[in-house]
PDB file of N, CA and C in Angstrom:
ATOM      1  N   MET A   1     131.650  37.307 104.976  1.00  0.00           N
ATOM      2  CA  MET A   1     132.498  38.088 104.097  1.00  0.00           C
ATOM      3  C   MET A   1     133.821  38.449 104.801  1.00  0.00           C
ATOM      4  N   ILE A   2     134.921  38.119 104.142  1.00  0.00           N
ATOM      5  CA  ILE A   2     136.246  38.527 104.657  1.00  0.00           C
ATOM      6  C   ILE A   2     136.939  39.388 103.611  1.00  0.00           C
ATOM      7  N   LEU A   3     137.865  40.156 103.999  1.00  0.00           N
ATOM      8  CA  LEU A   3     138.546  41.124 103.087  1.00  0.00           C
ATOM      9  C   LEU A   3     140.002  40.863 102.992  1.00  0.00           C
ATOM     10  N   HIS A   4     140.546  41.136 101.843  1.00  0.00           N
ATOM     11  CA  HIS A   4     142.054  41.065 101.618  1.00  0.00           C
ATOM     12  C   HIS A   4     142.466  42.286 100.848  1.00  0.00           C
ATOM     13  N   CYS A   5     143.406  43.085 101.304  1.00  0.00           N
ATOM     14  CA  CYS A   5     143.840  44.281 100.699  1.00  0.00           C
ATOM     15  C   CYS A   5     145.096  43.972  99.901  1.00  0.00           C
ATOM     16  N   ILE A   6     145.144  44.404  98.676  1.00  0.00           N
ATOM     17  CA  ILE A   6     146.250  44.022  97.741  1.00  0.00           C
ATOM     18  C   ILE A   6     146.486  45.191  96.807  1.00  0.00           C
ATOM     19  N   LYS A   7     147.748  45.318  96.304  1.00  0.00           N
ATOM     20  CA  LYS A   7     148.060  46.350  95.361  1.00  0.00           C
ATOM     21  C   LYS A   7     147.238  46.034  94.100  1.00  0.00           C
ATOM     22  N   LYS A   8     146.767  47.138  93.503  1.00  0.00           N
ATOM     23  CA  LYS A   8     145.947  47.020  92.307  1.00  0.00           C
ATOM     24  C   LYS A   8     146.705  46.306  91.178  1.00  0.00           C
ATOM     25  N   THR A   9     147.945  46.574  91.067  1.00  0.00           N
ATOM     26  CA  THR A   9     148.752  45.932  89.980  1.00  0.00           C
ATOM     27  C   THR A   9     148.865  44.424  90.224  1.00  0.00           C
ATOM     28  N   ASP A  10     149.045  44.005  91.467  1.00  0.00           N
ATOM     29  CA  ASP A  10     149.064  42.593  91.836  1.00  0.00           C
ATOM     30  C   ASP A  10     147.699  41.912  91.495  1.00  0.00           C
ATOM     31  N   TRP A  11     146.616  42.662  91.835  1.00  0.00           N
ATOM     32  CA  TRP A  11     145.279  42.115  91.542  1.00  0.00           C
ATOM     33  C   TRP A  11     145.110  41.944  90.022  1.00  0.00           C
ATOM     34  N   GLU A  12     145.588  42.966  89.222  1.00  0.00           N
ATOM     35  CA  GLU A  12     145.480  42.873  87.766  1.00  0.00           C
ATOM     36  C   GLU A  12     146.249  41.626  87.263  1.00  0.00           C
ATOM     37  N   ASP A  13     147.344  41.273  87.907  1.00  0.00           N
ATOM     38  CA  ASP A  13     148.098  40.067  87.492  1.00  0.00           C
ATOM     39  C   ASP A  13     147.374  38.777  87.864  1.00  0.00           C
ATOM     40  N   ARG A  14     146.559  38.824  88.897  1.00  0.00           N
ATOM     41  CA  ARG A  14     145.995  37.578  89.469  1.00  0.00           C
ATOM     42  C   ARG A  14     144.499  37.364  89.122  1.00  0.00           C
ATOM     43  N   LYS A  15     143.804  38.416  88.683  1.00  0.00           N
ATOM     44  CA  LYS A  15     142.346  38.295  88.513  1.00  0.00           C
ATOM     45  C   LYS A  15     141.958  37.321  87.463  1.00  0.00           C
ATOM     46  N   ASN A  16     142.741  36.945  86.578  1.00  0.00           N
ATOM     47  CA  ASN A  16     142.254  36.026  85.492  1.00  0.00           C
ATOM     48  C   ASN A  16     142.801  34.615  85.829  1.00  0.00           C
ATOM     49  N   LYS A  17     143.414  34.425  86.884  1.00  0.00           N
ATOM     50  CA  LYS A  17     143.869  33.090  87.360  1.00  0.00           C
ATOM     51  C   LYS A  17     142.681  32.365  87.985  1.00  0.00           C
ATOM     52  N   THR A  18     142.777  31.057  88.063  1.00  0.00           N
ATOM     53  CA  THR A  18     141.743  30.302  88.860  1.00  0.00           C
ATOM     54  C   THR A  18     141.980  30.546  90.351  1.00  0.00           C
ATOM     55  N   SER A  19     143.161  30.526  90.781  1.00  0.00           N
ATOM     56  CA  SER A  19     143.499  30.776  92.204  1.00  0.00           C
ATOM     57  C   SER A  19     144.859  31.344  92.326  1.00  0.00           C
ATOM     58  N   TRP A  20     145.152  31.844  93.556  1.00  0.00           N
ATOM     59  CA  TRP A  20     146.475  32.489  93.721  1.00  0.00           C
ATOM     60  C   TRP A  20     146.728  32.515  95.243  1.00  0.00           C
ATOM     61  N   GLY A  21     147.965  32.941  95.590  1.00  0.00           N
ATOM     62  CA  GLY A  21     148.346  33.071  97.019  1.00  0.00           C
ATOM     63  C   GLY A  21     149.634  32.383  97.327  1.00  0.00           C
ATOM     64  N   GLU A  22     150.284  31.786  96.374  1.00  0.00           N
ATOM     65  CA  GLU A  22     151.491  31.028  96.655  1.00  0.00           C
ATOM     66  C   GLU A  22     152.571  31.837  97.336  1.00  0.00           C
ATOM     67  N   GLU A  23     152.756  33.075  96.931  1.00  0.00           N
ATOM     68  CA  GLU A  23     153.733  33.945  97.627  1.00  0.00           C
ATOM     69  C   GLU A  23     153.422  34.181  99.085  1.00  0.00           C
ATOM     70  N   GLU A  24     152.231  34.494  99.384  1.00  0.00           N
ATOM     71  CA  GLU A  24     151.764  34.731 100.787  1.00  0.00           C
ATOM     72  C   GLU A  24     151.897  33.454 101.603  1.00  0.00           C
ATOM     73  N   LEU A  25     151.522  32.339 101.043  1.00  0.00           N
ATOM     74  CA  LEU A  25     151.680  31.121 101.735  1.00  0.00           C
ATOM     75  C   LEU A  25     153.094  30.731 102.040  1.00  0.00           C
ATOM     76  N   ALA A  26     153.977  30.979 101.110  1.00  0.00           N
ATOM     77  CA  ALA A  26     155.383  30.663 101.319  1.00  0.00           C
ATOM     78  C   ALA A  26     156.002  31.572 102.346  1.00  0.00           C
ATOM     79  N   LYS A  27     155.504  32.839 102.437  1.00  0.00           N
ATOM     80  CA  LYS A  27     156.057  33.784 103.423  1.00  0.00           C
ATOM     81  C   LYS A  27     155.516  33.603 104.809  1.00  0.00           C
ATOM     82  N   ASP A  28     154.188  33.477 104.887  1.00  0.00           N
ATOM     83  CA  ASP A  28     153.586  33.485 106.251  1.00  0.00           C
ATOM     84  C   ASP A  28     152.836  32.175 106.628  1.00  0.00           C
ATOM     85  N   GLY A  29     152.664  31.262 105.667  1.00  0.00           N
ATOM     86  CA  GLY A  29     151.958  30.035 105.931  1.00  0.00           C
ATOM     87  C   GLY A  29     150.473  30.147 105.759  1.00  0.00           C
ATOM     88  N   PHE A  30     149.992  31.380 105.589  1.00  0.00           N
ATOM     89  CA  PHE A  30     148.530  31.625 105.372  1.00  0.00           C
ATOM     90  C   PHE A  30     148.411  32.994 104.706  1.00  0.00           C
ATOM     91  N   ILE A  31     147.240  33.290 104.262  1.00  0.00           N
ATOM     92  CA  ILE A  31     146.956  34.620 103.645  1.00  0.00           C
ATOM     93  C   ILE A  31     146.139  35.453 104.651  1.00  0.00           C
ATOM     94  N   HIS A  32     146.735  36.551 104.979  1.00  0.00           N
ATOM     95  CA  HIS A  32     146.034  37.518 105.904  1.00  0.00           C
ATOM     96  C   HIS A  32     144.755  38.082 105.360  1.00  0.00           C
ATOM     97  N   CYS A  33     143.741  38.056 106.145  1.00  0.00           N
ATOM     98  CA  CYS A  33     142.458  38.678 105.784  1.00  0.00           C
ATOM     99  C   CYS A  33     141.909  39.374 106.997  1.00  0.00           C
ATOM    100  N   SER A  34     140.758  39.985 106.856  1.00  0.00           N
ATOM    101  CA  SER A  34     140.129  40.661 107.918  1.00  0.00           C
ATOM    102  C   SER A  34     138.661  40.597 107.762  1.00  0.00           C
ATOM    103  N   THR A  35     137.943  40.771 108.863  1.00  0.00           N
ATOM    104  CA  THR A  35     136.530  41.023 108.772  1.00  0.00           C
ATOM    105  C   THR A  35     136.296  42.441 108.458  1.00  0.00           C
ATOM    106  N   ILE A  36     135.084  42.803 108.016  1.00  0.00           N
ATOM    107  CA  ILE A  36     134.760  44.203 107.743  1.00  0.00           C
ATOM    108  C   ILE A  36     134.865  45.008 109.013  1.00  0.00           C
ATOM    109  N   GLU A  37     134.447  44.437 110.094  1.00  0.00           N
ATOM    110  CA  GLU A  37     134.419  45.188 111.383  1.00  0.00           C
ATOM    111  C   GLU A  37     135.799  45.566 111.851  1.00  0.00           C
ATOM    112  N   LEU A  38     136.770  44.698 111.569  1.00  0.00           N
ATOM    113  CA  LEU A  38     138.135  44.908 112.071  1.00  0.00           C
ATOM    114  C   LEU A  38     139.069  45.489 110.978  1.00  0.00           C
ATOM    115  N   PHE A  39     138.600  45.700 109.812  1.00  0.00           N
ATOM    116  CA  PHE A  39     139.511  46.155 108.705  1.00  0.00           C
ATOM    117  C   PHE A  39     140.215  47.401 109.057  1.00  0.00           C
ATOM    118  N   TRP A  40     139.588  48.338 109.717  1.00  0.00           N
ATOM    119  CA  TRP A  40     140.316  49.568 110.111  1.00  0.00           C
ATOM    120  C   TRP A  40     141.505  49.374 110.883  1.00  0.00           C
ATOM    121  N   ARG A  41     141.526  48.277 111.641  1.00  0.00           N
ATOM    122  CA  ARG A  41     142.715  47.937 112.505  1.00  0.00           C
ATOM    123  C   ARG A  41     143.972  47.595 111.724  1.00  0.00           C
ATOM    124  N   VAL A  42     143.755  47.097 110.472  1.00  0.00           N
ATOM    125  CA  VAL A  42     144.861  46.662 109.668  1.00  0.00           C
ATOM    126  C   VAL A  42     145.315  47.781 108.714  1.00  0.00           C
ATOM    127  N   THR A  43     144.617  48.826 108.560  1.00  0.00           N
ATOM    128  CA  THR A  43     144.872  49.909 107.588  1.00  0.00           C
ATOM    129  C   THR A  43     146.182  50.646 107.891  1.00  0.00           C
ATOM    130  N   LYS A  44     146.668  50.536 109.103  1.00  0.00           N
ATOM    131  CA  LYS A  44     147.991  51.161 109.445  1.00  0.00           C
ATOM    132  C   LYS A  44     149.126  50.505 108.663  1.00  0.00           C
ATOM    133  N   PHE A  45     148.928  49.228 108.312  1.00  0.00           N
ATOM    134  CA  PHE A  45     149.968  48.557 107.511  1.00  0.00           C
ATOM    135  C   PHE A  45     150.079  49.067 106.059  1.00  0.00           C
ATOM    136  N   PHE A  46     149.035  49.770 105.650  1.00  0.00           N
ATOM    137  CA  PHE A  46     149.106  50.263 104.235  1.00  0.00           C
ATOM    138  C   PHE A  46     149.344  51.744 104.094  1.00  0.00           C
ATOM    139  N   GLU A  47     149.597  52.419 105.234  1.00  0.00           N
ATOM    140  CA  GLU A  47     149.854  53.886 105.222  1.00  0.00           C
ATOM    141  C   GLU A  47     151.038  54.263 104.439  1.00  0.00           C
ATOM    142  N   GLU A  48     152.094  53.391 104.411  1.00  0.00           N
ATOM    143  CA  GLU A  48     153.334  53.706 103.718  1.00  0.00           C
ATOM    144  C   GLU A  48     153.272  53.251 102.305  1.00  0.00           C
ATOM    145  N   VAL A  49     152.325  52.478 101.875  1.00  0.00           N
ATOM    146  CA  VAL A  49     152.205  51.957 100.552  1.00  0.00           C
ATOM    147  C   VAL A  49     151.680  53.112  99.620  1.00  0.00           C
ATOM    148  N   GLU A  50     152.522  53.446  98.642  1.00  0.00           N
ATOM    149  CA  GLU A  50     152.153  54.465  97.737  1.00  0.00           C
ATOM    150  C   GLU A  50     151.314  54.004  96.573  1.00  0.00           C
ATOM    151  N   ASP A  51     151.480  52.730  96.273  1.00  0.00           N
ATOM    152  CA  ASP A  51     150.722  52.105  95.124  1.00  0.00           C
ATOM    153  C   ASP A  51     149.256  52.158  95.403  1.00  0.00           C
ATOM    154  N   GLU A  52     148.458  52.156  94.269  1.00  0.00           N
ATOM    155  CA  GLU A  52     147.012  52.105  94.436  1.00  0.00           C
ATOM    156  C   GLU A  52     146.645  50.696  94.971  1.00  0.00           C
ATOM    157  N   LEU A  53     145.722  50.662  95.870  1.00  0.00           N
ATOM    158  CA  LEU A  53     145.286  49.389  96.537  1.00  0.00           C
ATOM    159  C   LEU A  53     143.851  49.115  96.247  1.00  0.00           C
ATOM    160  N   VAL A  54     143.468  47.847  96.294  1.00  0.00           N
ATOM    161  CA  VAL A  54     142.039  47.475  96.199  1.00  0.00           C
ATOM    162  C   VAL A  54     141.726  46.525  97.371  1.00  0.00           C
ATOM    163  N   ILE A  55     140.453  46.413  97.678  1.00  0.00           N
ATOM    164  CA  ILE A  55     140.024  45.475  98.744  1.00  0.00           C
ATOM    165  C   ILE A  55     139.224  44.453  98.104  1.00  0.00           C
ATOM    166  N   LEU A  56     139.679  43.181  98.248  1.00  0.00           N
ATOM    167  CA  LEU A  56     138.911  42.045  97.725  1.00  0.00           C
ATOM    168  C   LEU A  56     137.949  41.544  98.705  1.00  0.00           C
ATOM    169  N   CYS A  57     136.692  41.437  98.292  1.00  0.00           N
ATOM    170  CA  CYS A  57     135.627  40.920  99.210  1.00  0.00           C
ATOM    171  C   CYS A  57     135.386  39.457  98.906  1.00  0.00           C
ATOM    172  N   ILE A  58     135.676  38.586  99.863  1.00  0.00           N
ATOM    173  CA  ILE A  58     135.697  37.190  99.632  1.00  0.00           C
ATOM    174  C   ILE A  58     134.592  36.550 100.409  1.00  0.00           C
ATOM    175  N   ASP A  59     133.765  35.705  99.677  1.00  0.00           N
ATOM    176  CA  ASP A  59     132.692  34.960 100.326  1.00  0.00           C
ATOM    177  C   ASP A  59     133.300  33.667 100.888  1.00  0.00           C
ATOM    178  N   GLU A  60     133.286  33.606 102.210  1.00  0.00           N
ATOM    179  CA  GLU A  60     133.871  32.426 102.834  1.00  0.00           C
ATOM    180  C   GLU A  60     133.195  31.103 102.415  1.00  0.00           C
ATOM    181  N   ASP A  61     131.932  31.128 102.202  1.00  0.00           N
ATOM    182  CA  ASP A  61     131.231  29.925 101.766  1.00  0.00           C
ATOM    183  C   ASP A  61     131.705  29.361 100.399  1.00  0.00           C
ATOM    184  N   GLN A  62     132.173  30.330  99.574  1.00  0.00           N
ATOM    185  CA  GLN A  62     132.680  29.927  98.299  1.00  0.00           C
ATOM    186  C   GLN A  62     134.145  29.618  98.245  1.00  0.00           C
ATOM    187  N   LEU A  63     134.846  29.939  99.300  1.00  0.00           N
ATOM    188  CA  LEU A  63     136.300  29.701  99.336  1.00  0.00           C
ATOM    189  C   LEU A  63     136.575  28.194  99.529  1.00  0.00           C
ATOM    190  N   GLU A  64     137.488  27.723  98.718  1.00  0.00           N
ATOM    191  CA  GLU A  64     137.806  26.300  98.753  1.00  0.00           C
ATOM    192  C   GLU A  64     138.842  25.967  99.864  1.00  0.00           C
ATOM    193  N   SER A  65     139.580  26.940 100.310  1.00  0.00           N
ATOM    194  CA  SER A  65     140.629  26.713 101.377  1.00  0.00           C
ATOM    195  C   SER A  65     140.036  26.988 102.726  1.00  0.00           C
ATOM    196  N   GLU A  66     140.708  26.388 103.708  1.00  0.00           N
ATOM    197  CA  GLU A  66     140.261  26.544 105.068  1.00  0.00           C
ATOM    198  C   GLU A  66     140.529  27.898 105.648  1.00  0.00           C
ATOM    199  N   VAL A  67     139.601  28.452 106.340  1.00  0.00           N
ATOM    200  CA  VAL A  67     139.765  29.785 106.991  1.00  0.00           C
ATOM    201  C   VAL A  67     139.721  29.487 108.499  1.00  0.00           C
ATOM    202  N   VAL A  68     140.780  29.980 109.216  1.00  0.00           N
ATOM    203  CA  VAL A  68     140.901  29.833 110.624  1.00  0.00           C
ATOM    204  C   VAL A  68     140.935  31.260 111.241  1.00  0.00           C
ATOM    205  N   TYR A  69     140.149  31.518 112.247  1.00  0.00           N
ATOM    206  CA  TYR A  69     140.144  32.818 112.954  1.00  0.00           C
ATOM    207  C   TYR A  69     141.155  32.747 114.099  1.00  0.00           C
ATOM    208  N   GLU A  70     142.192  33.547 114.042  1.00  0.00           N
ATOM    209  CA  GLU A  70     143.313  33.456 115.004  1.00  0.00           C
ATOM    210  C   GLU A  70     143.695  34.856 115.493  1.00  0.00           C
ATOM    211  N   ASP A  71     144.267  34.896 116.633  1.00  0.00           N
ATOM    212  CA  ASP A  71     144.857  36.112 117.278  1.00  0.00           C
ATOM    213  C   ASP A  71     146.393  35.911 117.327  1.00  0.00           C
ATOM    214  N   THR A  72     147.028  35.918 116.180  1.00  0.00           N
ATOM    215  CA  THR A  72     148.489  35.690 116.153  1.00  0.00           C
ATOM    216  C   THR A  72     149.312  36.867 116.660  1.00  0.00           C
ATOM    217  N   GLU A  73     148.685  38.017 116.843  1.00  0.00           N
ATOM    218  CA  GLU A  73     149.430  39.228 117.295  1.00  0.00           C
ATOM    219  C   GLU A  73     149.075  39.627 118.709  1.00  0.00           C
ATOM    220  N   ASN A  74     148.333  38.752 119.377  1.00  0.00           N
ATOM    221  CA  ASN A  74     147.934  39.006 120.783  1.00  0.00           C
ATOM    222  C   ASN A  74     147.193  40.325 120.921  1.00  0.00           C
ATOM    223  N   THR A  75     146.275  40.596 120.046  1.00  0.00           N
ATOM    224  CA  THR A  75     145.469  41.870 120.139  1.00  0.00           C
ATOM    225  C   THR A  75     144.162  41.679 120.819  1.00  0.00           C
ATOM    226  N   GLY A  76     143.792  40.402 121.121  1.00  0.00           N
ATOM    227  CA  GLY A  76     142.478  40.145 121.714  1.00  0.00           C
ATOM    228  C   GLY A  76     141.396  40.107 120.569  1.00  0.00           C
ATOM    229  N   LYS A  77     141.778  40.224 119.344  1.00  0.00           N
ATOM    230  CA  LYS A  77     140.791  40.110 118.238  1.00  0.00           C
ATOM    231  C   LYS A  77     141.220  38.998 117.314  1.00  0.00           C
ATOM    232  N   LEU A  78     140.182  38.350 116.812  1.00  0.00           N
ATOM    233  CA  LEU A  78     140.418  37.202 115.846  1.00  0.00           C
ATOM    234  C   LEU A  78     140.338  37.682 114.430  1.00  0.00           C
ATOM    235  N   PHE A  79     141.395  37.338 113.661  1.00  0.00           N
ATOM    236  CA  PHE A  79     141.421  37.717 112.259  1.00  0.00           C
ATOM    237  C   PHE A  79     141.383  36.442 111.403  1.00  0.00           C
ATOM    238  N   PRO A  80     140.696  36.444 110.286  1.00  0.00           N
ATOM    239  CA  PRO A  80     140.608  35.265 109.399  1.00  0.00           C
ATOM    240  C   PRO A  80     141.925  35.091 108.630  1.00  0.00           C
ATOM    241  N   HIS A  81     142.455  33.875 108.664  1.00  0.00           N
ATOM    242  CA  HIS A  81     143.651  33.527 107.952  1.00  0.00           C
ATOM    243  C   HIS A  81     143.263  32.400 107.000  1.00  0.00           C
ATOM    244  N   VAL A  82     143.583  32.552 105.750  1.00  0.00           N
ATOM    245  CA  VAL A  82     143.268  31.528 104.745  1.00  0.00           C
ATOM    246  C   VAL A  82     144.481  30.576 104.604  1.00  0.00           C
ATOM    247  N   TYR A  83     144.255  29.309 104.895  1.00  0.00           N
ATOM    248  CA  TYR A  83     145.321  28.311 104.876  1.00  0.00           C
ATOM    249  C   TYR A  83     145.233  27.571 103.526  1.00  0.00           C
ATOM    250  N   GLY A  84     145.509  28.232 102.453  1.00  0.00           N
ATOM    251  CA  GLY A  84     145.542  27.634 101.137  1.00  0.00           C
ATOM    252  C   GLY A  84     145.298  28.780 100.108  1.00  0.00           C
ATOM    253  N   LEU A  85     145.202  28.343  98.877  1.00  0.00           N
ATOM    254  CA  LEU A  85     144.978  29.383  97.792  1.00  0.00           C
ATOM    255  C   LEU A  85     143.640  30.016  97.888  1.00  0.00           C
ATOM    256  N   ILE A  86     143.537  31.278  97.342  1.00  0.00           N
ATOM    257  CA  ILE A  86     142.229  31.819  97.169  1.00  0.00           C
ATOM    258  C   ILE A  86     141.704  31.603  95.800  1.00  0.00           C
ATOM    259  N   ASN A  87     140.635  30.928  95.639  1.00  0.00           N
ATOM    260  CA  ASN A  87     139.991  30.763  94.347  1.00  0.00           C
ATOM    261  C   ASN A  87     139.171  31.989  93.931  1.00  0.00           C
ATOM    262  N   ASN A  88     139.447  32.505  92.800  1.00  0.00           N
ATOM    263  CA  ASN A  88     138.920  33.759  92.351  1.00  0.00           C
ATOM    264  C   ASN A  88     137.379  33.778  92.254  1.00  0.00           C
ATOM    265  N   ASP A  89     136.723  32.603  92.097  1.00  0.00           N
ATOM    266  CA  ASP A  89     135.289  32.610  92.031  1.00  0.00           C
ATOM    267  C   ASP A  89     134.707  32.853  93.445  1.00  0.00           C
ATOM    268  N   ALA A  90     135.500  32.910  94.445  1.00  0.00           N
ATOM    269  CA  ALA A  90     135.008  33.278  95.848  1.00  0.00           C
ATOM    270  C   ALA A  90     134.986  34.788  96.022  1.00  0.00           C
ATOM    271  N   ILE A  91     135.670  35.543  95.101  1.00  0.00           N
ATOM    272  CA  ILE A  91     135.719  36.950  95.217  1.00  0.00           C
ATOM    273  C   ILE A  91     134.507  37.593  94.588  1.00  0.00           C
ATOM    274  N   VAL A  92     133.679  38.208  95.461  1.00  0.00           N
ATOM    275  CA  VAL A  92     132.351  38.681  95.080  1.00  0.00           C
ATOM    276  C   VAL A  92     132.407  40.165  94.728  1.00  0.00           C
ATOM    277  N   ASP A  93     133.445  40.880  95.125  1.00  0.00           N
ATOM    278  CA  ASP A  93     133.522  42.316  94.802  1.00  0.00           C
ATOM    279  C   ASP A  93     134.954  42.812  94.982  1.00  0.00           C
ATOM    280  N   VAL A  94     135.336  43.773  94.188  1.00  0.00           N
ATOM    281  CA  VAL A  94     136.615  44.416  94.359  1.00  0.00           C
ATOM    282  C   VAL A  94     136.351  45.883  94.470  1.00  0.00           C
ATOM    283  N   LEU A  95     136.794  46.472  95.631  1.00  0.00           N
ATOM    284  CA  LEU A  95     136.510  47.884  95.977  1.00  0.00           C
ATOM    285  C   LEU A  95     137.795  48.639  95.991  1.00  0.00           C
ATOM    286  N   PRO A  96     137.741  49.963  95.725  1.00  0.00           N
ATOM    287  CA  PRO A  96     138.933  50.780  95.919  1.00  0.00           C
ATOM    288  C   PRO A  96     139.291  50.934  97.327  1.00  0.00           C
ATOM    289  N   TYR A  97     140.524  51.067  97.626  1.00  0.00           N
ATOM    290  CA  TYR A  97     141.034  51.445  99.014  1.00  0.00           C
ATOM    291  C   TYR A  97     141.069  52.910  99.000  1.00  0.00           C
ATOM    292  N   LEU A  98     140.174  53.530  99.692  1.00  0.00           N
ATOM    293  CA  LEU A  98     139.946  54.990  99.752  1.00  0.00           C
ATOM    294  C   LEU A  98     140.892  55.630 100.758  1.00  0.00           C
ATOM    295  N   ARG A  99     141.433  56.826 100.370  1.00  0.00           N
ATOM    296  CA  ARG A  99     142.334  57.526 101.308  1.00  0.00           C
ATOM    297  C   ARG A  99     141.994  59.063 101.243  1.00  0.00           C
ATOM    298  N   ASP A 100     142.250  59.680 102.429  1.00  0.00           N
ATOM    299  CA  ASP A 100     142.119  61.127 102.450  1.00  0.00           C
ATOM    300  C   ASP A 100     143.424  61.751 102.047  1.00  0.00           C
ATOM    301  N   GLU A 101     143.553  63.071 102.156  1.00  0.00           N
ATOM    302  CA  GLU A 101     144.762  63.792 101.713  1.00  0.00           C
ATOM    303  C   GLU A 101     145.988  63.379 102.465  1.00  0.00           C
ATOM    304  N   GLU A 102     145.857  62.886 103.668  1.00  0.00           N
ATOM    305  CA  GLU A 102     146.989  62.515 104.491  1.00  0.00           C
ATOM    306  C   GLU A 102     147.308  61.019 104.316  1.00  0.00           C
ATOM    307  N   GLY A 103     146.531  60.295 103.392  1.00  0.00           N
ATOM    308  CA  GLY A 103     146.793  58.944 103.185  1.00  0.00           C
ATOM    309  C   GLY A 103     146.064  57.984 104.110  1.00  0.00           C
ATOM    310  N   GLN A 104     145.274  58.554 105.034  1.00  0.00           N
ATOM    311  CA  GLN A 104     144.487  57.692 105.952  1.00  0.00           C
ATOM    312  C   GLN A 104     143.267  57.046 105.280  1.00  0.00           C
ATOM    313  N   TYR A 105     143.007  55.845 105.665  1.00  0.00           N
ATOM    314  CA  TYR A 105     141.900  55.075 105.054  1.00  0.00           C
ATOM    315  C   TYR A 105     140.527  55.790 105.331  1.00  0.00           C
ATOM    316  N   ILE A 106     139.704  55.851 104.314  1.00  0.00           N
ATOM    317  CA  ILE A 106     138.313  56.234 104.451  1.00  0.00           C
ATOM    318  C   ILE A 106     137.445  55.042 104.224  1.00  0.00           C
ATOM    319  N   LYS A 107     136.544  54.810 105.231  1.00  0.00           N
ATOM    320  CA  LYS A 107     135.696  53.615 105.145  1.00  0.00           C
ATOM    321  C   LYS A 107     134.839  53.670 103.930  1.00  0.00           C
ATOM    322  N   ASN A 108     134.789  52.571 103.204  1.00  0.00           N
ATOM    323  CA  ASN A 108     133.994  52.446 101.945  1.00  0.00           C
ATOM    324  C   ASN A 108     132.519  52.518 102.305  1.00  0.00           C
ATOM    325  N   LYS A 109     131.729  53.154 101.492  1.00  0.00           N
ATOM    326  CA  LYS A 109     130.284  53.256 101.779  1.00  0.00           C
ATOM    327  C   LYS A 109     129.614  51.880 101.889  1.00  0.00           C
ATOM    328  N   GLU A 110     130.172  50.899 101.198  1.00  0.00           N
ATOM    329  CA  GLU A 110     129.575  49.524 101.297  1.00  0.00           C
ATOM    330  C   GLU A 110     129.784  49.010 102.713  1.00  0.00           C
ATOM    331  N   PHE A 111     130.690  49.505 103.478  1.00  0.00           N
ATOM    332  CA  PHE A 111     130.932  48.945 104.860  1.00  0.00           C
ATOM    333  C   PHE A 111     130.307  49.791 105.965  1.00  0.00           C
ATOM    334  N   ILE A 112     129.557  50.844 105.593  1.00  0.00           N
ATOM    335  CA  ILE A 112     129.021  51.800 106.647  1.00  0.00           C
ATOM    336  C   ILE A 112     128.152  51.102 107.632  1.00  0.00           C
ATOM    337  N   LYS A 113     127.367  50.140 107.171  1.00  0.00           N
ATOM    338  CA  LYS A 113     126.387  49.486 108.031  1.00  0.00           C
ATOM    339  C   LYS A 113     127.061  48.570 109.050  1.00  0.00           C
ATOM    340  N   PHE A 114     128.378  48.302 108.897  1.00  0.00           N
ATOM    341  CA  PHE A 114     129.085  47.436 109.828  1.00  0.00           C
ATOM    342  C   PHE A 114     129.748  48.267 110.926  1.00  0.00           C
ATOM    343  N   GLU A 115     129.598  47.896 112.146  1.00  0.00           N
ATOM    344  CA  GLU A 115     130.197  48.581 113.227  1.00  0.00           C
ATOM    345  C   GLU A 115     131.684  48.165 113.398  1.00  0.00           C
ATOM    346  N   ASP A 116     132.558  49.162 113.619  1.00  0.00           N
ATOM    347  CA  ASP A 116     133.928  48.882 113.865  1.00  0.00           C
ATOM    348  C   ASP A 116     134.113  48.278 115.281  1.00  0.00           C
ATOM    349  N   GLU A 117     135.087  47.339 115.366  1.00  0.00           N
ATOM    350  CA  GLU A 117     135.409  46.742 116.653  1.00  0.00           C
ATOM    351  C   GLU A 117     136.716  47.198 117.188  1.00  0.00           C
TER     352      GLU A 117
END
């Protein structure tokens, strides 16, 4: 299972499509994702986003595009990058991105059993 965080309004625009990700691929060459264990490390990128966010839970086995685990930021951690479109039938769940009063991410109860790295 890999995760992709997205604005809820963007997800609403994409959820009825067969696949999506053209904008991300044009910008970065891949679609940024995370493992559950490493998700907390990317939440800092969403602190300034005021829009409501959702977390897409993607089953790698159902994903039609290639996933490559890379350390493009020299963090010593490997993050999954999707090199192609995300087919919506690979998305097995959509969870709210939870925040506390200061806007900090609150770990979803669905992820509690996974240890942070």
